[in-house]
Amino acid sequence: MCPPGSSPVTVTRVNVASSVFLANIPSPDRGVWELGPIPIRAYALCIIAGIIVAIWWGERRWVTRGGTPGTVIDIAVFAVPFGLIGGRLYHVITDHHRYFGGDANPIDALKIWDGGLGIWGAIALGGVGAWIGCRAKKVPLPVFADAIAPGVVAAQAIGRLGNYFNQELYGASTDLPWGLEIYRRINEAGAEDNLNGVAVNHIPIDVVHPTFLYELLWNLGVVALVVWADRRFRLGHGRAFALYVAGYTAGRTWIELMRTDPATQVLGTRVNVWVSILVFVGGLAYLVLAKWRGPREDLAAIQGNVSPDAGTGEAVPEPEKPDEAEAPEDAAAGSEDEKTAEPPAKAESETTEEKADEKTAEETDESAEAASGRPDEKPDESADTPGESDEPGEKSADDTEKEPSSQSRPES
């Protein structure tokens, strides 16, 4: 019975609110599903999804900055395999006790699908692959790194969900309302196996700090920071990638200190803590020093000498422009030829004017003769009769020519 003066409804309402508020995060029943003989692993799906997001986002940022479409995908062909190999190598080296010595099986080091990728090795060897791809595409590695920076840290956030399905990499016990419930999983052989087993029930054997969730949320915060800073300050020369590295390692340091899974120790501290500190210092130093390298690179200028062929996707040289220096000379030569060549119409006009001047001169002569009073001479009808003249006393020109001159004879 309820005490006098209490309200059953009120007590019930408080209990419901408390139970909802104090609800923990349940773990998945399993991390592997069988599709016939093919195992479908949640960890692998998360890694693949993260890679797809990183490439897609990096490609969009690359094109937005003026780069040639398809460049990020081409470079990822080198970077992704190198990154997976590097991540696995780092994990095997730092957790070698799991694969070498005692009852460990060295072949398990090749089973990447069982989890175990070190981000430091993935970034280091993935960077080598990216450098090879950038050399092949003739683009600077820092420019490529800036374009993919937020996509890479977003991929890491997605990859942390794989740890959730594998029920691994968690912290110490906690009574916080967001504590993660850990279930007992059993594989087909009847052995406890968090990676390949199935939960026997939903009764938690422990409630722990979900460090995978802490890192996931921290990574999303780094994504927002990189995107904001890149837009606000137009980061270039690898500074956006350096900001990602510094931001990620700052969070990884304190999250790594919360984890309770076995790890290699250096001076009593987990090796990944020391690596995070060193990488943080290096990323921060590069972020500051690279500022003096100048403004962000112009990708349109770097890749502007070629244009992608629409049919094949390959870069082809742009058509050469005509030599503008020769054009004025050709125009000037044509102008001189036009000046020296006399148009036919002009020549005909001058000929007509000459004829008109001659006719005017003839008419002027006739007018002058008329004004002097000399009548027009009639044609000489007797011009054929020798020795006759028009007026008496005058000799004809023929007679004068026929008559020998007396002055020309010598006297005897």
Protein backbone atom coordinates (compact mmCIF):
# COMPACT_ATOMS: atom_id res chain seq x y z
CA MET A 1 0.00 0.00 0.00
CA CYS A 2 1.01 3.59 -0.51
CA PRO A 3 1.81 5.74 2.50
CA PRO A 4 -0.89 8.20 3.56
CA GLY A 5 -0.80 11.38 1.51
CA SER A 6 1.20 9.89 -1.37
CA SER A 7 0.00 9.66 -4.90
CA PRO A 8 0.29 6.32 -6.73
CA VAL A 9 0.29 8.13 -10.03
CA THR A 10 3.18 10.33 -8.98
CA VAL A 11 5.29 7.37 -7.80
CA THR A 12 4.65 5.50 -11.03
CA ARG A 13 5.55 8.54 -13.14
CA VAL A 14 8.87 9.04 -11.32
CA ASN A 15 9.78 5.36 -11.66
CA VAL A 16 9.13 5.39 -15.42
CA ALA A 17 11.15 8.55 -15.90
CA SER A 18 14.01 7.15 -13.85
CA SER A 19 14.04 3.86 -15.74
CA VAL A 20 14.16 5.67 -19.09
CA PHE A 21 16.86 8.08 -17.97
CA LEU A 22 19.07 5.33 -16.55
CA ALA A 23 18.75 3.03 -19.56
CA ASN A 24 22.14 1.78 -20.78
CA ILE A 25 23.32 1.28 -24.36
CA PRO A 26 22.74 -2.33 -25.38
CA SER A 27 25.34 -4.16 -27.45
CA PRO A 28 24.38 -5.99 -30.65
CA ASP A 29 23.72 -9.72 -30.35
CA ARG A 30 26.44 -10.46 -32.90
CA GLY A 31 28.89 -8.90 -35.31
CA VAL A 32 28.75 -11.56 -38.04
CA TRP A 33 25.88 -12.82 -40.18
CA GLU A 34 26.12 -15.92 -42.32
CA LEU A 35 24.93 -15.65 -45.92
CA GLY A 36 25.30 -19.27 -46.91
CA PRO A 37 29.03 -20.02 -46.80
CA ILE A 38 29.89 -16.29 -46.87
CA PRO A 39 30.28 -14.46 -43.54
CA ILE A 40 29.05 -10.86 -43.60
CA ARG A 41 31.00 -8.93 -40.97
CA ALA A 42 29.76 -5.63 -39.60
CA TYR A 43 33.33 -4.47 -38.98
CA ALA A 44 34.24 -4.90 -42.65
CA LEU A 45 31.06 -3.16 -43.79
CA CYS A 46 31.82 -0.17 -41.58
CA ILE A 47 35.36 0.08 -42.95
CA ILE A 48 34.09 -0.11 -46.55
CA ALA A 49 31.40 2.49 -45.86
CA GLY A 50 34.00 4.81 -44.35
CA ILE A 51 36.27 4.46 -47.39
CA ILE A 52 33.39 5.24 -49.74
CA VAL A 53 32.44 8.35 -47.77
CA ALA A 54 36.06 9.55 -47.67
CA ILE A 55 36.52 9.15 -51.44
CA TRP A 56 33.14 10.67 -52.31
CA TRP A 57 33.60 13.69 -50.06
CA GLY A 58 37.23 14.14 -51.07
CA GLU A 59 36.25 14.07 -54.76
CA ARG A 60 33.61 16.75 -54.21
CA ARG A 61 36.03 19.00 -52.34
CA TRP A 62 38.69 18.44 -55.01
CA VAL A 63 36.38 19.52 -57.84
CA THR A 64 35.08 22.47 -55.82
CA ARG A 65 38.66 23.70 -55.41
CA GLY A 66 39.16 23.59 -59.18
CA GLY A 67 40.65 20.11 -59.59
CA THR A 68 40.01 17.67 -62.41
CA PRO A 69 37.14 15.22 -61.70
CA GLY A 70 38.24 11.66 -61.03
CA THR A 71 41.64 12.57 -59.59
CA VAL A 72 40.81 11.55 -55.99
CA ILE A 73 39.45 8.20 -57.16
CA ASP A 74 42.58 7.52 -59.18
CA ILE A 75 44.85 8.32 -56.24
CA ALA A 76 42.68 6.25 -53.87
CA VAL A 77 43.52 3.19 -55.96
CA PHE A 78 47.03 3.49 -54.49
CA ALA A 79 46.22 4.96 -51.08
CA VAL A 80 43.50 2.54 -49.88
CA PRO A 81 45.44 -0.75 -50.25
CA PHE A 82 48.54 0.82 -48.74
CA GLY A 83 46.45 2.16 -45.86
CA LEU A 84 44.86 -1.21 -45.08
CA ILE A 85 48.24 -2.94 -45.10
CA GLY A 86 49.82 -0.20 -42.97
CA GLY A 87 46.97 -0.28 -40.46
CA ARG A 88 47.25 -4.03 -40.06
CA LEU A 89 51.05 -3.92 -39.73
CA TYR A 90 50.85 -1.31 -36.97
CA HIS A 91 48.27 -3.37 -35.07
CA VAL A 92 50.31 -6.57 -35.35
CA ILE A 93 53.50 -4.83 -34.24
CA THR A 94 52.00 -3.06 -31.24
CA ASP A 95 49.93 -6.12 -30.19
CA HIS A 96 52.38 -8.80 -31.23
CA HIS A 97 51.61 -10.90 -28.15
CA ARG A 98 48.27 -11.82 -29.74
CA TYR A 99 49.91 -13.42 -32.77
CA PHE A 100 53.36 -14.58 -31.71
CA GLY A 101 54.53 -16.67 -28.79
CA GLY A 102 52.75 -19.09 -26.52
CA ASP A 103 49.57 -20.55 -27.95
CA ALA A 104 49.15 -17.72 -30.52
CA ASN A 105 48.83 -18.55 -34.19
CA PRO A 106 50.87 -16.26 -36.51
CA ILE A 107 48.41 -16.94 -39.34
CA ASP A 108 45.84 -14.93 -37.41
CA ALA A 109 47.89 -11.82 -38.20
CA LEU A 110 46.54 -12.07 -41.76
CA LYS A 111 42.90 -12.25 -40.69
CA ILE A 112 42.11 -8.59 -41.11
CA TRP A 113 38.39 -9.34 -41.05
CA ASP A 114 38.64 -10.20 -37.33
CA GLY A 115 39.44 -6.56 -36.59
CA GLY A 116 42.63 -4.82 -35.66
CA LEU A 117 43.66 -1.79 -37.75
CA GLY A 118 45.97 0.85 -36.29
CA ILE A 119 45.11 4.31 -37.53
CA TRP A 120 48.74 5.45 -37.32
CA GLY A 121 49.92 2.75 -39.68
CA ALA A 122 46.98 3.36 -41.99
CA ILE A 123 47.77 7.07 -42.23
CA ALA A 124 51.53 6.55 -42.59
CA LEU A 125 51.53 3.84 -45.27
CA GLY A 126 48.36 5.23 -46.84
CA GLY A 127 50.25 8.49 -47.23
CA VAL A 128 52.96 6.64 -49.15
CA GLY A 129 50.34 5.24 -51.51
CA ALA A 130 48.79 8.68 -51.90
CA TRP A 131 52.23 10.11 -52.70
CA ILE A 132 52.67 7.53 -55.46
CA GLY A 133 49.23 8.36 -56.84
CA CYS A 134 49.90 12.09 -56.70
CA ARG A 135 53.17 11.59 -58.58
CA ALA A 136 51.29 9.68 -61.25
CA LYS A 137 48.64 12.41 -61.54
CA LYS A 138 51.22 15.23 -61.22
CA VAL A 139 49.52 17.00 -58.32
CA PRO A 140 51.07 18.11 -55.00
CA LEU A 141 50.47 15.73 -52.07
CA PRO A 142 49.56 18.57 -49.61
CA VAL A 143 46.78 19.74 -51.94
CA PHE A 144 45.35 16.22 -52.07
CA ALA A 145 45.66 15.85 -48.28
CA ASP A 146 43.68 19.06 -47.68
CA ALA A 147 40.90 17.88 -49.97
CA ILE A 148 40.41 14.53 -48.21
CA ALA A 149 41.03 15.65 -44.60
CA PRO A 150 37.40 15.88 -43.36
CA GLY A 151 36.45 12.75 -45.28
CA VAL A 152 39.22 10.73 -43.62
CA VAL A 153 38.19 11.64 -40.08
CA ALA A 154 34.54 10.99 -41.00
CA ALA A 155 35.60 7.55 -42.21
CA GLN A 156 37.26 6.94 -38.84
CA ALA A 157 34.01 7.83 -37.08
CA ILE A 158 32.10 5.33 -39.22
CA GLY A 159 34.78 2.70 -38.64
CA ARG A 160 34.34 2.99 -34.87
CA LEU A 161 30.89 1.47 -35.27
CA GLY A 162 32.69 -1.73 -36.21
CA ASN A 163 34.18 -1.82 -32.70
CA TYR A 164 30.64 -1.55 -31.34
CA PHE A 165 29.51 -4.63 -33.29
CA ASN A 166 32.66 -6.52 -32.31
CA GLN A 167 32.05 -5.60 -28.66
CA GLU A 168 35.67 -4.44 -28.23
CA LEU A 169 37.84 -1.47 -27.25
CA TYR A 170 35.76 -0.24 -24.34
CA GLY A 171 36.62 1.39 -21.04
CA ALA A 172 36.26 0.62 -17.38
CA SER A 173 33.01 -0.15 -15.60
CA THR A 174 30.65 2.77 -15.06
CA ASP A 175 27.22 3.56 -13.70
CA LEU A 176 26.64 6.47 -16.09
CA PRO A 177 23.33 6.36 -17.96
CA TRP A 178 25.12 5.95 -21.29
CA GLY A 179 27.13 2.96 -20.15
CA LEU A 180 27.57 0.13 -22.68
CA GLU A 181 26.19 -3.29 -21.80
CA ILE A 182 28.56 -6.18 -22.51
CA TYR A 183 26.97 -9.59 -23.22
CA ARG A 184 28.43 -13.05 -23.10
CA ARG A 185 28.92 -14.37 -26.62
CA ILE A 186 29.50 -17.97 -27.57
CA ASN A 187 30.73 -19.30 -30.92
CA GLU A 188 29.79 -22.59 -32.59
CA ALA A 189 32.50 -24.44 -30.67
CA GLY A 190 30.99 -23.34 -27.36
CA ALA A 191 33.87 -20.96 -26.51
CA GLU A 192 33.49 -17.34 -25.52
CA ASP A 193 34.12 -15.21 -28.59
CA ASN A 194 33.15 -11.55 -28.82
CA LEU A 195 34.10 -11.31 -32.51
CA ASN A 196 32.43 -14.37 -34.01
CA GLY A 197 30.04 -15.49 -31.27
CA VAL A 198 26.38 -14.82 -30.54
CA ALA A 199 25.00 -13.42 -27.28
CA VAL A 200 23.42 -16.12 -25.14
CA ASN A 201 21.02 -13.59 -23.57
CA HIS A 202 20.57 -9.87 -22.91
CA ILE A 203 21.76 -9.96 -19.34
CA PRO A 204 24.88 -7.75 -19.22
CA ILE A 205 27.97 -9.17 -17.61
CA ASP A 206 29.33 -5.63 -17.29
CA VAL A 207 28.44 -2.00 -18.04
CA VAL A 208 31.42 -0.03 -19.32
CA HIS A 209 32.46 3.30 -20.83
CA PRO A 210 31.65 3.23 -24.57
CA THR A 211 35.01 4.61 -25.64
CA PHE A 212 34.17 3.82 -29.26
CA LEU A 213 31.25 6.24 -28.95
CA TYR A 214 33.42 8.91 -27.35
CA GLU A 215 35.87 8.73 -30.21
CA LEU A 216 33.07 8.66 -32.79
CA LEU A 217 31.55 11.86 -31.42
CA TRP A 218 34.97 13.49 -31.05
CA ASN A 219 35.77 12.68 -34.68
CA LEU A 220 32.54 14.26 -35.85
CA GLY A 221 33.53 17.38 -33.91
CA VAL A 222 36.90 17.38 -35.70
CA VAL A 223 35.07 17.10 -39.02
CA ALA A 224 33.07 20.23 -38.20
CA LEU A 225 36.23 22.03 -37.05
CA VAL A 226 38.18 21.24 -40.22
CA VAL A 227 35.30 22.24 -42.51
CA TRP A 228 34.73 25.50 -40.65
CA ALA A 229 38.41 26.46 -40.46
CA ASP A 230 38.98 25.56 -44.11
CA ARG A 231 36.18 27.86 -45.21
CA ARG A 232 37.03 30.63 -42.78
CA PHE A 233 40.80 30.76 -43.34
CA ARG A 234 41.14 29.06 -46.76
CA LEU A 235 43.68 26.58 -45.46
CA GLY A 236 46.23 25.33 -47.96
CA HIS A 237 49.62 23.61 -48.28
CA GLY A 238 48.46 20.68 -46.10
CA ARG A 239 47.22 22.83 -43.21
CA ALA A 240 43.67 21.40 -43.28
CA PHE A 241 45.13 17.90 -42.97
CA ALA A 242 47.44 19.08 -40.18
CA LEU A 243 44.43 20.49 -38.31
CA TYR A 244 42.69 17.13 -38.63
CA VAL A 245 45.77 15.33 -37.29
CA ALA A 246 46.15 17.71 -34.35
CA GLY A 247 42.44 17.64 -33.53
CA TYR A 248 42.13 13.87 -33.74
CA THR A 249 45.21 13.11 -31.64
CA ALA A 250 44.14 15.58 -28.95
CA GLY A 251 41.02 13.50 -28.39
CA ARG A 252 42.65 10.14 -28.94
CA THR A 253 45.10 10.84 -26.10
CA TRP A 254 42.50 11.07 -23.33
CA ILE A 255 40.21 8.41 -24.86
CA GLU A 256 43.13 5.97 -25.10
CA LEU A 257 43.81 6.47 -21.40
CA MET A 258 40.25 5.28 -20.62
CA ARG A 259 40.53 1.98 -22.49
CA THR A 260 41.10 -1.26 -20.57
CA ASP A 261 41.83 -3.69 -23.41
CA PRO A 262 45.35 -5.21 -23.40
CA ALA A 263 47.98 -3.04 -25.11
CA THR A 264 51.74 -2.64 -25.32
CA GLN A 265 53.08 -0.41 -22.54
CA VAL A 266 55.94 2.09 -22.74
CA LEU A 267 57.04 3.54 -19.39
CA GLY A 268 53.83 2.29 -17.86
CA THR A 269 51.63 4.05 -20.42
CA ARG A 270 49.89 2.63 -23.48
CA VAL A 271 52.00 3.02 -26.59
CA ASN A 272 49.18 4.73 -28.51
CA VAL A 273 49.14 7.52 -25.92
CA TRP A 274 52.78 8.34 -26.62
CA VAL A 275 52.21 8.15 -30.37
CA SER A 276 49.20 10.45 -30.07
CA ILE A 277 51.23 13.04 -28.15
CA LEU A 278 54.11 13.00 -30.65
CA VAL A 279 51.82 13.21 -33.67
CA PHE A 280 49.83 16.01 -32.04
CA VAL A 281 52.98 18.09 -31.57
CA GLY A 282 54.04 17.45 -35.16
CA GLY A 283 50.62 18.31 -36.59
CA LEU A 284 50.35 21.50 -34.57
CA ALA A 285 53.86 22.61 -35.57
CA TYR A 286 53.12 22.03 -39.25
CA LEU A 287 49.81 23.89 -38.96
CA VAL A 288 51.63 26.97 -37.66
CA LEU A 289 54.74 26.85 -39.85
CA ALA A 290 52.94 26.11 -43.12
CA LYS A 291 51.08 29.40 -42.78
CA TRP A 292 54.15 31.19 -44.14
CA ARG A 293 54.03 29.21 -47.36
CA GLY A 294 51.39 31.56 -48.73
CA PRO A 295 47.70 31.37 -49.65
CA ARG A 296 45.91 28.24 -50.70
CA GLU A 297 47.08 26.65 -53.93
CA ASP A 298 45.06 27.27 -57.08
CA LEU A 299 44.09 23.84 -58.38
CA ALA A 300 42.66 25.38 -61.54
CA ALA A 301 46.13 26.71 -62.30
CA ILE A 302 47.86 23.46 -61.35
CA GLN A 303 45.62 21.30 -63.55
CA GLY A 304 44.51 24.02 -65.94
CA ASN A 305 46.90 23.00 -68.74
CA VAL A 306 44.78 19.97 -69.62
CA SER A 307 41.06 19.34 -69.91
CA PRO A 308 39.36 15.98 -69.37
CA ASP A 309 38.13 14.29 -72.53
CA ALA A 310 34.40 13.76 -72.23
CA GLY A 311 34.51 10.42 -73.99
CA THR A 312 37.40 8.66 -72.34
CA GLY A 313 37.91 10.67 -69.16
CA GLU A 314 41.56 11.08 -70.04
CA ALA A 315 43.31 14.43 -70.03
CA VAL A 316 44.10 15.80 -73.45
CA PRO A 317 45.97 18.97 -74.38
CA GLU A 318 43.88 21.99 -75.20
CA PRO A 319 43.93 23.16 -78.84
CA GLU A 320 46.64 25.68 -79.61
CA LYS A 321 45.55 29.26 -80.19
CA PRO A 322 46.64 31.07 -83.38
CA ASP A 323 49.67 33.30 -83.11
CA GLU A 324 48.23 36.72 -82.49
CA ALA A 325 51.55 38.40 -83.28
CA GLU A 326 51.39 37.26 -86.91
CA ALA A 327 47.84 38.49 -87.44
CA PRO A 328 48.65 42.24 -87.50
CA GLU A 329 51.53 41.63 -89.95
CA ASP A 330 49.25 39.74 -92.33
CA ALA A 331 46.66 42.48 -92.05
CA ALA A 332 49.28 45.17 -92.75
CA ALA A 333 50.61 43.29 -95.78
CA GLY A 334 47.10 42.94 -97.16
CA SER A 335 46.51 46.65 -96.64
CA GLU A 336 49.67 47.57 -98.60
CA ASP A 337 48.62 45.32 -101.47
CA GLU A 338 45.24 46.99 -101.57
CA LYS A 339 46.87 50.41 -101.69
CA THR A 340 49.25 49.50 -104.58
CA ALA A 341 46.55 47.80 -106.63
CA GLU A 342 44.52 50.47 -108.53
CA PRO A 343 40.86 49.69 -108.70
CA PRO A 344 39.51 49.12 -112.24
CA ALA A 345 36.67 51.58 -111.75
CA LYS A 346 39.13 54.35 -110.93
CA ALA A 347 41.18 53.71 -114.11
CA GLU A 348 38.10 53.83 -116.33
CA SER A 349 37.05 57.09 -114.68
CA GLU A 350 40.42 58.71 -115.47
CA THR A 351 40.24 57.59 -119.14
CA THR A 352 36.78 59.13 -119.51
CA GLU A 353 38.01 62.41 -118.01
CA GLU A 354 40.96 62.55 -120.47
CA LYS A 355 38.60 62.13 -123.45
CA ALA A 356 36.33 64.85 -122.11
CA ASP A 357 39.32 67.24 -121.78
CA GLU A 358 40.40 66.59 -125.38
CA LYS A 359 36.91 67.29 -126.68
CA THR A 360 36.71 70.52 -124.67
CA ALA A 361 40.07 71.65 -126.10
CA GLU A 362 38.87 71.07 -129.69
CA GLU A 363 35.69 73.04 -129.06
CA THR A 364 37.80 75.90 -127.63
CA ASP A 365 39.99 76.02 -130.76
CA GLU A 366 36.95 76.18 -133.04
CA SER A 367 35.47 79.02 -130.99
CA ALA A 368 38.75 80.97 -131.28
CA GLU A 369 38.82 80.60 -135.09
CA ALA A 370 35.23 81.77 -135.35
CA ALA A 371 36.00 84.84 -133.28
CA SER A 372 38.95 85.85 -135.64
CA GLY A 373 36.57 86.30 -138.63
CA ARG A 374 38.05 83.62 -140.91
CA PRO A 375 35.25 81.77 -142.62
CA ASP A 376 35.38 78.09 -142.81
CA GLU A 377 37.22 76.96 -145.90
CA LYS A 378 35.26 75.00 -148.38
CA PRO A 379 36.72 71.93 -149.81
CA ASP A 380 38.94 72.63 -152.85
CA GLU A 381 37.10 71.16 -155.81
CA SER A 382 40.00 71.89 -158.20
CA ALA A 383 42.63 70.46 -156.00
CA ASP A 384 43.23 67.78 -158.61
CA THR A 385 44.02 70.38 -161.38
CA PRO A 386 47.71 71.22 -161.40
CA GLY A 387 48.90 74.85 -161.74
CA GLU A 388 45.62 76.52 -160.75
CA SER A 389 44.96 78.52 -157.59
CA ASP A 390 41.91 79.97 -155.89
CA GLU A 391 43.00 83.64 -156.37
CA PRO A 392 44.85 85.27 -159.25
CA GLY A 393 48.51 86.04 -158.79
CA GLU A 394 49.00 83.20 -156.33
CA LYS A 395 50.70 80.02 -157.30
CA SER A 396 49.75 76.71 -156.02
CA ALA A 397 51.95 74.82 -153.74
CA ASP A 398 52.49 72.17 -156.39
CA ASP A 399 53.73 74.70 -158.96
CA THR A 400 56.04 76.28 -156.48
CA GLU A 401 57.59 72.97 -155.68
CA LYS A 402 57.97 72.09 -159.37
CA GLU A 403 59.58 75.43 -160.36
CA PRO A 404 63.25 75.47 -159.71
CA SER A 405 64.62 78.25 -157.58
CA SER A 406 66.76 80.87 -159.46
CA GLN A 407 68.78 81.69 -156.43
CA SER A 408 70.01 78.21 -156.08
CA ARG A 409 71.77 78.22 -159.54
CA PRO A 410 75.31 79.43 -159.77
CA GLU A 411 76.05 82.24 -162.29
CA SER A 412 78.23 81.46 -165.30
